Amino acid sequence: MIALLMCGGKGKRLGMGEKPLVEVLGKKLVDHMLDNLIEFDVIAVTSKYTEKTETYLKMQGIDCYKAKGEGFVEDYMEAVKQLRLFEPLIVASSDVIIFKDGLINEIVDFYFKSQTKALQTVYKKPIGINIIDGYFIDDWQDEVIYKIKCKDAININTKRDIKKAEEIWKLMNLEKREKN
C-alpha cells in the first residue's frame, strides 16, 4: 500500500520553521511518522514551503512529489492525479506523533473491513491519518471514522501540542516502568 506523507504546509501556527524538521521527543517530526510507515511505500508530498524537508527526505531515500502548496487536500489530490495513484492510499500528515504501536496497521485493517471508500482518524478532531481511494479522487467519498484515544497519537500544530506530546511520553514511560 502506498502512503502519501504530507510535508508541504507552511507551519505558521507552530512558527518554528519547516514543521516536518522540528525536533520533538529527540526526533524530527517527519521521522516519527516515517517510523510508523516503514511497511508502506512512502511518497512524500512537499511544496515550495518545505525545500529543506524535501532535501532531507531525498537524502533518506524517500521519493518526493513537489505539489503547488495550496493546502492539505489540494496537494494530495494533485499528487494522486499526477502520479496516477488509483488505489487505496494512506494520507498521513508529517506532524503526527504516534504513541501506540501498530496503530497504522489497525487503521488500515479497519478501513478494509469497513468497505467504504475513505477513512478519517479522529480524537475529538481529525488528527491527520486518512485513507482514500485514489480511483475515486474526483468523487465524494463516504468515509468511516476511526476513533483513537488521547494517548494513541497527537497532531503537532502549536508549541502547546509539543508540551502535551512530552507529557504523554513521560506518562507512558512511567506506566511501563510501573508494570515492570
N, C-alpha and C. Protein backbone atom coordinates (compact mmCIF):
# COMPACT_ATOMS: atom_id res chain seq x y z
N MET A 1 0.85 -1.19 0.00
CA MET A 1 0.00 0.00 0.00
C MET A 1 0.89 1.24 0.00
N ILE A 2 0.49 2.24 -0.75
CA ILE A 2 1.24 3.49 -0.83
C ILE A 2 0.76 4.45 0.26
N ALA A 3 1.70 5.14 0.85
CA ALA A 3 1.38 6.17 1.84
C ALA A 3 1.90 7.51 1.32
N LEU A 4 1.00 8.47 1.21
CA LEU A 4 1.40 9.85 0.90
C LEU A 4 1.70 10.53 2.22
N LEU A 5 2.93 10.94 2.39
CA LEU A 5 3.35 11.62 3.61
C LEU A 5 3.32 13.12 3.32
N MET A 6 2.36 13.80 3.90
CA MET A 6 2.12 15.20 3.59
C MET A 6 3.10 16.09 4.37
N CYS A 7 3.97 16.77 3.61
CA CYS A 7 5.05 17.57 4.19
C CYS A 7 5.14 18.97 3.59
N GLY A 8 4.06 19.50 3.05
CA GLY A 8 4.17 20.73 2.28
C GLY A 8 3.58 21.98 2.90
N GLY A 9 3.14 21.90 4.14
CA GLY A 9 2.49 23.05 4.75
C GLY A 9 3.44 24.16 5.15
N LYS A 10 2.86 25.30 5.45
CA LYS A 10 3.65 26.48 5.83
C LYS A 10 4.10 26.45 7.28
N GLY A 11 3.41 25.72 8.14
CA GLY A 11 3.80 25.61 9.55
C GLY A 11 3.67 26.90 10.32
N LYS A 12 2.76 27.78 9.93
CA LYS A 12 2.63 29.09 10.56
C LYS A 12 2.24 29.02 12.03
N ARG A 13 1.31 28.12 12.38
CA ARG A 13 0.84 28.05 13.77
C ARG A 13 1.96 27.67 14.73
N LEU A 14 2.84 26.79 14.29
CA LEU A 14 3.94 26.37 15.15
C LEU A 14 5.03 27.44 15.19
N GLY A 15 5.30 28.06 14.05
CA GLY A 15 6.26 29.17 14.00
C GLY A 15 7.69 28.79 14.32
N MET A 16 8.11 27.59 13.90
CA MET A 16 9.47 27.12 14.20
C MET A 16 10.20 26.68 12.93
N GLY A 17 9.86 27.29 11.80
CA GLY A 17 10.47 26.90 10.53
C GLY A 17 9.68 25.78 9.89
N GLU A 18 10.35 25.00 9.07
CA GLU A 18 9.68 23.89 8.38
C GLU A 18 9.27 22.84 9.41
N LYS A 19 7.97 22.70 9.60
CA LYS A 19 7.45 21.85 10.67
C LYS A 19 7.94 20.41 10.60
N PRO A 20 8.03 19.76 9.43
CA PRO A 20 8.48 18.37 9.43
C PRO A 20 9.88 18.18 10.04
N LEU A 21 10.69 19.23 10.04
CA LEU A 21 12.05 19.12 10.55
C LEU A 21 12.19 19.53 12.02
N VAL A 22 11.11 19.98 12.63
CA VAL A 22 11.14 20.37 14.05
C VAL A 22 11.33 19.12 14.90
N GLU A 23 12.24 19.21 15.85
CA GLU A 23 12.50 18.06 16.73
C GLU A 23 11.56 18.08 17.92
N VAL A 24 10.94 16.93 18.13
CA VAL A 24 10.07 16.70 19.28
C VAL A 24 10.41 15.32 19.83
N LEU A 25 10.62 15.24 21.11
CA LEU A 25 10.99 13.98 21.76
C LEU A 25 12.26 13.40 21.14
N GLY A 26 13.21 14.28 20.81
CA GLY A 26 14.51 13.86 20.31
C GLY A 26 14.55 13.40 18.87
N LYS A 27 13.51 13.68 18.10
CA LYS A 27 13.45 13.22 16.72
C LYS A 27 12.66 14.20 15.87
N LYS A 28 13.05 14.34 14.61
CA LYS A 28 12.29 15.20 13.70
C LYS A 28 10.87 14.66 13.56
N LEU A 29 9.89 15.57 13.46
CA LEU A 29 8.50 15.15 13.31
C LEU A 29 8.32 14.18 12.15
N VAL A 30 8.92 14.49 11.02
CA VAL A 30 8.77 13.64 9.85
C VAL A 30 9.31 12.23 10.12
N ASP A 31 10.34 12.11 10.92
CA ASP A 31 10.91 10.80 11.24
C ASP A 31 9.98 9.99 12.14
N HIS A 32 9.25 10.67 13.01
CA HIS A 32 8.25 9.96 13.82
C HIS A 32 7.27 9.23 12.91
N MET A 33 6.75 9.92 11.91
CA MET A 33 5.77 9.30 11.02
C MET A 33 6.43 8.27 10.11
N LEU A 34 7.61 8.56 9.60
CA LEU A 34 8.30 7.58 8.76
C LEU A 34 8.50 6.26 9.49
N ASP A 35 8.82 6.31 10.78
CA ASP A 35 8.98 5.09 11.56
C ASP A 35 7.69 4.26 11.58
N ASN A 36 6.55 4.92 11.53
CA ASN A 36 5.27 4.23 11.55
C ASN A 36 4.81 3.78 10.16
N LEU A 37 5.46 4.27 9.13
CA LEU A 37 5.09 3.91 7.75
C LEU A 37 6.11 2.97 7.12
N ILE A 38 6.95 2.36 7.93
CA ILE A 38 8.05 1.53 7.43
C ILE A 38 7.57 0.39 6.53
N GLU A 39 6.37 -0.11 6.76
CA GLU A 39 5.84 -1.24 5.98
C GLU A 39 5.19 -0.81 4.66
N PHE A 40 5.15 0.48 4.40
CA PHE A 40 4.43 1.00 3.25
C PHE A 40 5.39 1.68 2.27
N ASP A 41 4.94 1.82 1.03
CA ASP A 41 5.71 2.56 0.02
C ASP A 41 5.38 4.04 0.21
N VAL A 42 6.35 4.80 0.70
CA VAL A 42 6.11 6.20 1.05
C VAL A 42 6.51 7.13 -0.09
N ILE A 43 5.61 8.05 -0.38
CA ILE A 43 5.90 9.17 -1.28
C ILE A 43 5.63 10.43 -0.47
N ALA A 44 6.65 11.24 -0.27
CA ALA A 44 6.47 12.49 0.47
C ALA A 44 5.95 13.56 -0.48
N VAL A 45 4.92 14.26 -0.05
CA VAL A 45 4.36 15.35 -0.84
C VAL A 45 4.85 16.64 -0.19
N THR A 46 5.77 17.32 -0.88
CA THR A 46 6.37 18.55 -0.38
C THR A 46 5.82 19.73 -1.18
N SER A 47 6.37 20.92 -0.92
CA SER A 47 5.98 22.11 -1.68
C SER A 47 7.13 23.11 -1.63
N LYS A 48 6.89 24.26 -2.23
CA LYS A 48 7.90 25.33 -2.21
C LYS A 48 8.17 25.80 -0.78
N TYR A 49 7.26 25.50 0.14
CA TYR A 49 7.42 25.92 1.54
C TYR A 49 8.30 24.98 2.34
N THR A 50 8.63 23.82 1.77
CA THR A 50 9.39 22.83 2.53
C THR A 50 10.57 22.28 1.72
N GLU A 51 11.35 23.18 1.18
CA GLU A 51 12.52 22.79 0.37
C GLU A 51 13.54 21.99 1.19
N LYS A 52 13.82 22.41 2.43
CA LYS A 52 14.80 21.70 3.27
C LYS A 52 14.28 20.31 3.63
N THR A 53 12.98 20.22 3.85
CA THR A 53 12.38 18.91 4.16
C THR A 53 12.54 17.98 2.97
N GLU A 54 12.29 18.50 1.77
CA GLU A 54 12.44 17.68 0.57
C GLU A 54 13.88 17.19 0.42
N THR A 55 14.84 18.07 0.62
CA THR A 55 16.25 17.68 0.55
C THR A 55 16.56 16.60 1.58
N TYR A 56 16.09 16.79 2.81
CA TYR A 56 16.31 15.83 3.89
C TYR A 56 15.72 14.46 3.52
N LEU A 57 14.49 14.45 3.02
CA LEU A 57 13.83 13.19 2.69
C LEU A 57 14.52 12.48 1.53
N LYS A 58 14.93 13.22 0.53
CA LYS A 58 15.63 12.61 -0.60
C LYS A 58 16.94 11.97 -0.14
N MET A 59 17.61 12.62 0.82
CA MET A 59 18.84 12.05 1.37
C MET A 59 18.55 10.74 2.13
N GLN A 60 17.32 10.58 2.61
CA GLN A 60 16.91 9.35 3.31
C GLN A 60 16.43 8.29 2.32
N GLY A 61 16.40 8.63 1.03
CA GLY A 61 15.94 7.69 0.02
C GLY A 61 14.43 7.66 -0.17
N ILE A 62 13.75 8.71 0.30
CA ILE A 62 12.30 8.79 0.18
C ILE A 62 11.95 9.48 -1.13
N ASP A 63 11.04 8.89 -1.89
CA ASP A 63 10.55 9.52 -3.12
C ASP A 63 9.72 10.75 -2.74
N CYS A 64 9.88 11.81 -3.51
CA CYS A 64 9.15 13.06 -3.23
C CYS A 64 8.39 13.53 -4.46
N TYR A 65 7.26 14.14 -4.20
CA TYR A 65 6.48 14.82 -5.22
C TYR A 65 6.26 16.24 -4.73
N LYS A 66 6.68 17.22 -5.53
CA LYS A 66 6.51 18.62 -5.14
C LYS A 66 5.17 19.13 -5.66
N ALA A 67 4.26 19.39 -4.73
CA ALA A 67 2.94 19.93 -5.07
C ALA A 67 2.99 21.45 -5.07
N LYS A 68 1.88 22.06 -5.44
CA LYS A 68 1.82 23.52 -5.52
C LYS A 68 1.77 24.22 -4.17
N GLY A 69 1.48 23.47 -3.11
CA GLY A 69 1.42 24.07 -1.78
C GLY A 69 0.15 24.86 -1.53
N GLU A 70 -0.95 24.37 -2.08
CA GLU A 70 -2.23 25.09 -1.97
C GLU A 70 -3.07 24.63 -0.78
N GLY A 71 -2.65 23.57 -0.11
CA GLY A 71 -3.40 23.07 1.04
C GLY A 71 -3.31 21.56 1.11
N PHE A 72 -3.64 21.02 2.27
CA PHE A 72 -3.53 19.58 2.51
C PHE A 72 -4.31 18.78 1.47
N VAL A 73 -5.59 19.04 1.35
CA VAL A 73 -6.45 18.27 0.43
C VAL A 73 -6.05 18.54 -1.02
N GLU A 74 -5.84 19.80 -1.35
CA GLU A 74 -5.47 20.16 -2.73
C GLU A 74 -4.17 19.47 -3.13
N ASP A 75 -3.20 19.45 -2.22
CA ASP A 75 -1.89 18.86 -2.54
C ASP A 75 -1.97 17.34 -2.69
N TYR A 76 -2.73 16.67 -1.82
CA TYR A 76 -2.79 15.21 -2.01
C TYR A 76 -3.61 14.86 -3.25
N MET A 77 -4.64 15.65 -3.56
CA MET A 77 -5.40 15.39 -4.78
C MET A 77 -4.51 15.58 -6.02
N GLU A 78 -3.70 16.63 -6.00
CA GLU A 78 -2.76 16.86 -7.10
C GLU A 78 -1.80 15.69 -7.26
N ALA A 79 -1.24 15.22 -6.15
CA ALA A 79 -0.29 14.11 -6.19
C ALA A 79 -0.95 12.84 -6.72
N VAL A 80 -2.15 12.54 -6.25
CA VAL A 80 -2.86 11.34 -6.70
C VAL A 80 -3.06 11.39 -8.20
N LYS A 81 -3.50 12.53 -8.71
CA LYS A 81 -3.78 12.65 -10.15
C LYS A 81 -2.50 12.61 -10.98
N GLN A 82 -1.50 13.39 -10.57
CA GLN A 82 -0.28 13.46 -11.36
C GLN A 82 0.51 12.15 -11.34
N LEU A 83 0.49 11.46 -10.19
CA LEU A 83 1.24 10.21 -10.07
C LEU A 83 0.38 8.99 -10.45
N ARG A 84 -0.90 9.26 -10.77
CA ARG A 84 -1.83 8.22 -11.20
C ARG A 84 -1.93 7.10 -10.17
N LEU A 85 -2.22 7.49 -8.95
CA LEU A 85 -2.32 6.55 -7.83
C LEU A 85 -3.79 6.17 -7.62
N PHE A 86 -4.28 5.30 -8.46
CA PHE A 86 -5.70 4.96 -8.48
C PHE A 86 -5.95 3.67 -7.70
N GLU A 87 -5.77 3.76 -6.40
CA GLU A 87 -5.92 2.63 -5.48
C GLU A 87 -6.09 3.20 -4.06
N PRO A 88 -6.43 2.37 -3.07
CA PRO A 88 -6.49 2.88 -1.70
C PRO A 88 -5.11 3.34 -1.24
N LEU A 89 -5.08 4.50 -0.60
CA LEU A 89 -3.83 5.14 -0.16
C LEU A 89 -3.96 5.66 1.26
N ILE A 90 -2.88 5.56 2.01
CA ILE A 90 -2.81 6.25 3.29
C ILE A 90 -2.39 7.68 2.99
N VAL A 91 -3.04 8.64 3.61
CA VAL A 91 -2.63 10.04 3.52
C VAL A 91 -2.36 10.48 4.94
N ALA A 92 -1.07 10.67 5.26
CA ALA A 92 -0.67 10.96 6.64
C ALA A 92 0.11 12.26 6.74
N SER A 93 -0.23 13.03 7.73
CA SER A 93 0.50 14.28 8.00
C SER A 93 1.86 13.95 8.61
N SER A 94 2.85 14.73 8.24
CA SER A 94 4.19 14.52 8.79
C SER A 94 4.33 15.09 10.18
N ASP A 95 3.27 15.72 10.69
CA ASP A 95 3.35 16.33 12.01
C ASP A 95 2.55 15.57 13.07
N VAL A 96 2.36 14.28 12.85
CA VAL A 96 1.66 13.43 13.81
C VAL A 96 2.67 12.53 14.51
N ILE A 97 2.59 12.49 15.81
CA ILE A 97 3.40 11.55 16.59
C ILE A 97 2.47 10.45 17.06
N ILE A 98 2.82 9.23 16.74
CA ILE A 98 2.02 8.06 17.14
C ILE A 98 2.72 7.41 18.33
N PHE A 99 1.96 7.21 19.38
CA PHE A 99 2.48 6.57 20.58
C PHE A 99 2.11 5.09 20.66
N LYS A 100 1.03 4.70 20.01
CA LYS A 100 0.52 3.33 20.10
C LYS A 100 1.15 2.47 19.01
N ASP A 101 1.86 1.44 19.40
CA ASP A 101 2.46 0.52 18.44
C ASP A 101 1.38 -0.12 17.57
N GLY A 102 1.64 -0.19 16.28
CA GLY A 102 0.73 -0.86 15.36
C GLY A 102 -0.52 -0.08 14.99
N LEU A 103 -0.59 1.20 15.37
CA LEU A 103 -1.80 1.97 15.10
C LEU A 103 -2.12 2.07 13.61
N ILE A 104 -1.13 2.32 12.80
CA ILE A 104 -1.38 2.45 11.35
C ILE A 104 -1.97 1.15 10.80
N ASN A 105 -1.42 0.01 11.19
CA ASN A 105 -1.96 -1.27 10.71
C ASN A 105 -3.39 -1.49 11.20
N GLU A 106 -3.70 -1.08 12.43
CA GLU A 106 -5.07 -1.17 12.94
C GLU A 106 -6.02 -0.34 12.07
N ILE A 107 -5.57 0.86 11.72
CA ILE A 107 -6.39 1.75 10.91
C ILE A 107 -6.63 1.15 9.53
N VAL A 108 -5.57 0.62 8.92
CA VAL A 108 -5.69 0.01 7.59
C VAL A 108 -6.64 -1.20 7.64
N ASP A 109 -6.48 -2.05 8.64
CA ASP A 109 -7.37 -3.21 8.78
C ASP A 109 -8.82 -2.77 8.93
N PHE A 110 -9.05 -1.76 9.76
CA PHE A 110 -10.40 -1.25 9.98
C PHE A 110 -10.98 -0.72 8.67
N TYR A 111 -10.16 -0.01 7.91
CA TYR A 111 -10.60 0.54 6.61
C TYR A 111 -11.09 -0.57 5.68
N PHE A 112 -10.28 -1.60 5.51
CA PHE A 112 -10.65 -2.66 4.56
C PHE A 112 -11.86 -3.46 5.04
N LYS A 113 -12.04 -3.59 6.33
CA LYS A 113 -13.23 -4.28 6.86
C LYS A 113 -14.48 -3.42 6.70
N SER A 114 -14.32 -2.11 6.68
CA SER A 114 -15.48 -1.20 6.62
C SER A 114 -16.12 -1.13 5.24
N GLN A 115 -15.39 -1.46 4.21
CA GLN A 115 -15.87 -1.42 2.84
C GLN A 115 -16.39 -0.05 2.42
N THR A 116 -15.76 1.00 2.93
CA THR A 116 -16.06 2.35 2.47
C THR A 116 -14.89 2.83 1.62
N LYS A 117 -15.07 3.97 0.98
CA LYS A 117 -14.02 4.48 0.11
C LYS A 117 -13.02 5.36 0.84
N ALA A 118 -13.36 5.82 2.05
CA ALA A 118 -12.46 6.73 2.76
C ALA A 118 -12.57 6.51 4.27
N LEU A 119 -11.51 6.89 4.96
CA LEU A 119 -11.44 6.79 6.41
C LEU A 119 -10.76 8.03 6.95
N GLN A 120 -11.24 8.50 8.08
CA GLN A 120 -10.61 9.63 8.77
C GLN A 120 -10.37 9.20 10.21
N THR A 121 -9.18 9.44 10.71
CA THR A 121 -8.83 9.12 12.09
C THR A 121 -9.07 10.35 12.94
N VAL A 122 -9.74 10.14 14.08
CA VAL A 122 -10.19 11.27 14.90
C VAL A 122 -9.94 11.01 16.38
N TYR A 123 -9.44 12.02 17.06
CA TYR A 123 -9.53 12.12 18.51
C TYR A 123 -10.07 13.53 18.76
N LYS A 124 -11.31 13.64 19.08
CA LYS A 124 -12.04 14.90 19.21
C LYS A 124 -12.13 15.65 17.88
N LYS A 125 -11.01 15.74 17.18
CA LYS A 125 -10.98 16.34 15.84
C LYS A 125 -10.04 15.50 14.99
N PRO A 126 -10.06 15.68 13.67
CA PRO A 126 -9.16 14.89 12.81
C PRO A 126 -7.70 15.07 13.21
N ILE A 127 -6.93 13.96 13.14
CA ILE A 127 -5.53 14.07 13.54
C ILE A 127 -4.55 13.98 12.38
N GLY A 128 -5.02 13.70 11.18
CA GLY A 128 -4.10 13.71 10.04
C GLY A 128 -3.63 12.34 9.59
N ILE A 129 -4.43 11.31 9.83
CA ILE A 129 -4.18 9.99 9.27
C ILE A 129 -5.47 9.57 8.59
N ASN A 130 -5.43 9.49 7.27
CA ASN A 130 -6.62 9.19 6.48
C ASN A 130 -6.31 8.09 5.48
N ILE A 131 -7.35 7.49 4.98
CA ILE A 131 -7.22 6.58 3.84
C ILE A 131 -8.26 7.00 2.82
N ILE A 132 -7.82 7.10 1.58
CA ILE A 132 -8.73 7.43 0.48
C ILE A 132 -8.51 6.43 -0.63
N ASP A 133 -9.45 6.34 -1.54
CA ASP A 133 -9.27 5.52 -2.72
C ASP A 133 -9.00 6.47 -3.89
N GLY A 134 -7.78 6.46 -4.37
CA GLY A 134 -7.37 7.35 -5.44
C GLY A 134 -8.16 7.18 -6.72
N TYR A 135 -8.75 6.01 -6.91
CA TYR A 135 -9.57 5.78 -8.10
C TYR A 135 -10.77 6.72 -8.12
N PHE A 136 -11.26 7.08 -6.94
CA PHE A 136 -12.44 7.93 -6.83
C PHE A 136 -12.07 9.35 -6.38
N ILE A 137 -10.88 9.81 -6.72
CA ILE A 137 -10.36 11.09 -6.21
C ILE A 137 -11.26 12.28 -6.54
N ASP A 138 -11.96 12.24 -7.64
CA ASP A 138 -12.82 13.36 -8.01
C ASP A 138 -14.27 13.19 -7.55
N ASP A 139 -14.55 12.09 -6.87
CA ASP A 139 -15.90 11.82 -6.39
C ASP A 139 -15.98 12.04 -4.88
N TRP A 140 -17.19 12.31 -4.41
CA TRP A 140 -17.40 12.36 -2.96
C TRP A 140 -17.18 10.96 -2.42
N GLN A 141 -16.37 10.83 -1.39
CA GLN A 141 -16.10 9.53 -0.81
C GLN A 141 -16.68 9.48 0.61
N ASP A 142 -17.76 8.69 0.77
CA ASP A 142 -18.28 8.49 2.12
C ASP A 142 -17.15 7.92 2.97
N GLU A 143 -17.03 8.45 4.18
CA GLU A 143 -15.92 8.00 5.00
C GLU A 143 -16.40 7.41 6.31
N VAL A 144 -15.62 6.48 6.79
CA VAL A 144 -15.83 5.91 8.10
C VAL A 144 -14.86 6.62 9.05
N ILE A 145 -15.27 6.76 10.29
CA ILE A 145 -14.42 7.41 11.29
C ILE A 145 -13.76 6.35 12.15
N TYR A 146 -12.45 6.47 12.32
CA TYR A 146 -11.70 5.60 13.23
C TYR A 146 -11.33 6.45 14.43
N LYS A 147 -11.91 6.12 15.58
CA LYS A 147 -11.67 6.92 16.79
C LYS A 147 -10.50 6.34 17.57
N ILE A 148 -9.62 7.25 18.01
CA ILE A 148 -8.48 6.84 18.82
C ILE A 148 -8.58 7.49 20.20
N LYS A 149 -7.72 7.06 21.10
CA LYS A 149 -7.65 7.64 22.44
C LYS A 149 -6.58 8.73 22.46
N CYS A 150 -6.64 9.57 23.48
CA CYS A 150 -5.71 10.71 23.54
C CYS A 150 -4.26 10.27 23.63
N LYS A 151 -3.99 9.09 24.16
CA LYS A 151 -2.61 8.62 24.29
C LYS A 151 -2.13 7.83 23.07
N ASP A 152 -2.97 7.70 22.04
CA ASP A 152 -2.57 6.94 20.85
C ASP A 152 -1.70 7.76 19.90
N ALA A 153 -2.07 9.03 19.70
CA ALA A 153 -1.36 9.88 18.74
C ALA A 153 -1.72 11.34 19.00
N ILE A 154 -0.86 12.22 18.51
CA ILE A 154 -1.13 13.65 18.64
C ILE A 154 -0.64 14.36 17.38
N ASN A 155 -1.43 15.32 16.93
CA ASN A 155 -1.05 16.17 15.81
C ASN A 155 -0.38 17.41 16.39
N ILE A 156 0.81 17.71 15.92
CA ILE A 156 1.59 18.84 16.44
C ILE A 156 1.35 20.06 15.55
N ASN A 157 0.61 21.03 16.09
CA ASN A 157 0.36 22.28 15.38
C ASN A 157 0.87 23.50 16.12
N THR A 158 1.01 23.38 17.44
CA THR A 158 1.42 24.52 18.26
C THR A 158 2.47 24.07 19.27
N LYS A 159 3.10 25.03 19.91
CA LYS A 159 4.07 24.70 20.96
C LYS A 159 3.38 24.01 22.13
N ARG A 160 2.13 24.33 22.34
CA ARG A 160 1.35 23.66 23.39
C ARG A 160 1.20 22.17 23.07
N ASP A 161 1.02 21.84 21.79
CA ASP A 161 0.93 20.44 21.38
C ASP A 161 2.25 19.70 21.66
N ILE A 162 3.38 20.39 21.49
CA ILE A 162 4.68 19.77 21.80
C ILE A 162 4.74 19.43 23.29
N LYS A 163 4.32 20.36 24.13
CA LYS A 163 4.30 20.11 25.58
C LYS A 163 3.39 18.93 25.92
N LYS A 164 2.25 18.85 25.26
CA LYS A 164 1.32 17.75 25.51
C LYS A 164 1.95 16.42 25.09
N ALA A 165 2.65 16.41 23.96
CA ALA A 165 3.33 15.20 23.49
C ALA A 165 4.37 14.76 24.52
N GLU A 166 5.11 15.71 25.05
CA GLU A 166 6.11 15.40 26.08
C GLU A 166 5.46 14.81 27.32
N GLU A 167 4.31 15.36 27.72
CA GLU A 167 3.58 14.84 28.89
C GLU A 167 3.09 13.41 28.66
N ILE A 168 2.54 13.15 27.48
CA ILE A 168 2.06 11.81 27.14
C ILE A 168 3.23 10.82 27.17
N TRP A 169 4.35 11.23 26.59
CA TRP A 169 5.54 10.38 26.53
C TRP A 169 6.03 10.04 27.94
N LYS A 170 6.11 11.04 28.81
CA LYS A 170 6.55 10.81 30.20
C LYS A 170 5.58 9.87 30.92
N LEU A 171 4.29 10.10 30.76
CA LEU A 171 3.28 9.26 31.40
C LEU A 171 3.37 7.81 30.92
N MET A 172 3.55 7.63 29.63
CA MET A 172 3.65 6.28 29.07
C MET A 172 4.89 5.57 29.60
N ASN A 173 6.00 6.28 29.69
CA ASN A 173 7.23 5.68 30.22
C ASN A 173 7.09 5.32 31.69
N LEU A 174 6.41 6.17 32.45
CA LEU A 174 6.16 5.91 33.86
C LEU A 174 5.29 4.65 34.02
N GLU A 175 4.25 4.54 33.20
CA GLU A 175 3.36 3.37 33.25
C GLU A 175 4.13 2.10 32.89
N LYS A 176 5.03 2.16 31.92
CA LYS A 176 5.83 1.00 31.54
C LYS A 176 6.73 0.56 32.69
N ARG A 177 7.36 1.54 33.36
CA ARG A 177 8.25 1.23 34.49
C ARG A 177 7.47 0.60 35.64
N GLU A 178 6.26 1.08 35.87
CA GLU A 178 5.45 0.54 36.96
C GLU A 178 5.01 -0.89 36.68
N LYS A 179 4.82 -1.24 35.43
CA LYS A 179 4.43 -2.60 35.07
C LYS A 179 5.59 -3.57 35.27
N ASN A 180 6.81 -3.07 35.09
CA ASN A 180 7.99 -3.93 35.22
C ASN A 180 8.41 -3.94 36.64
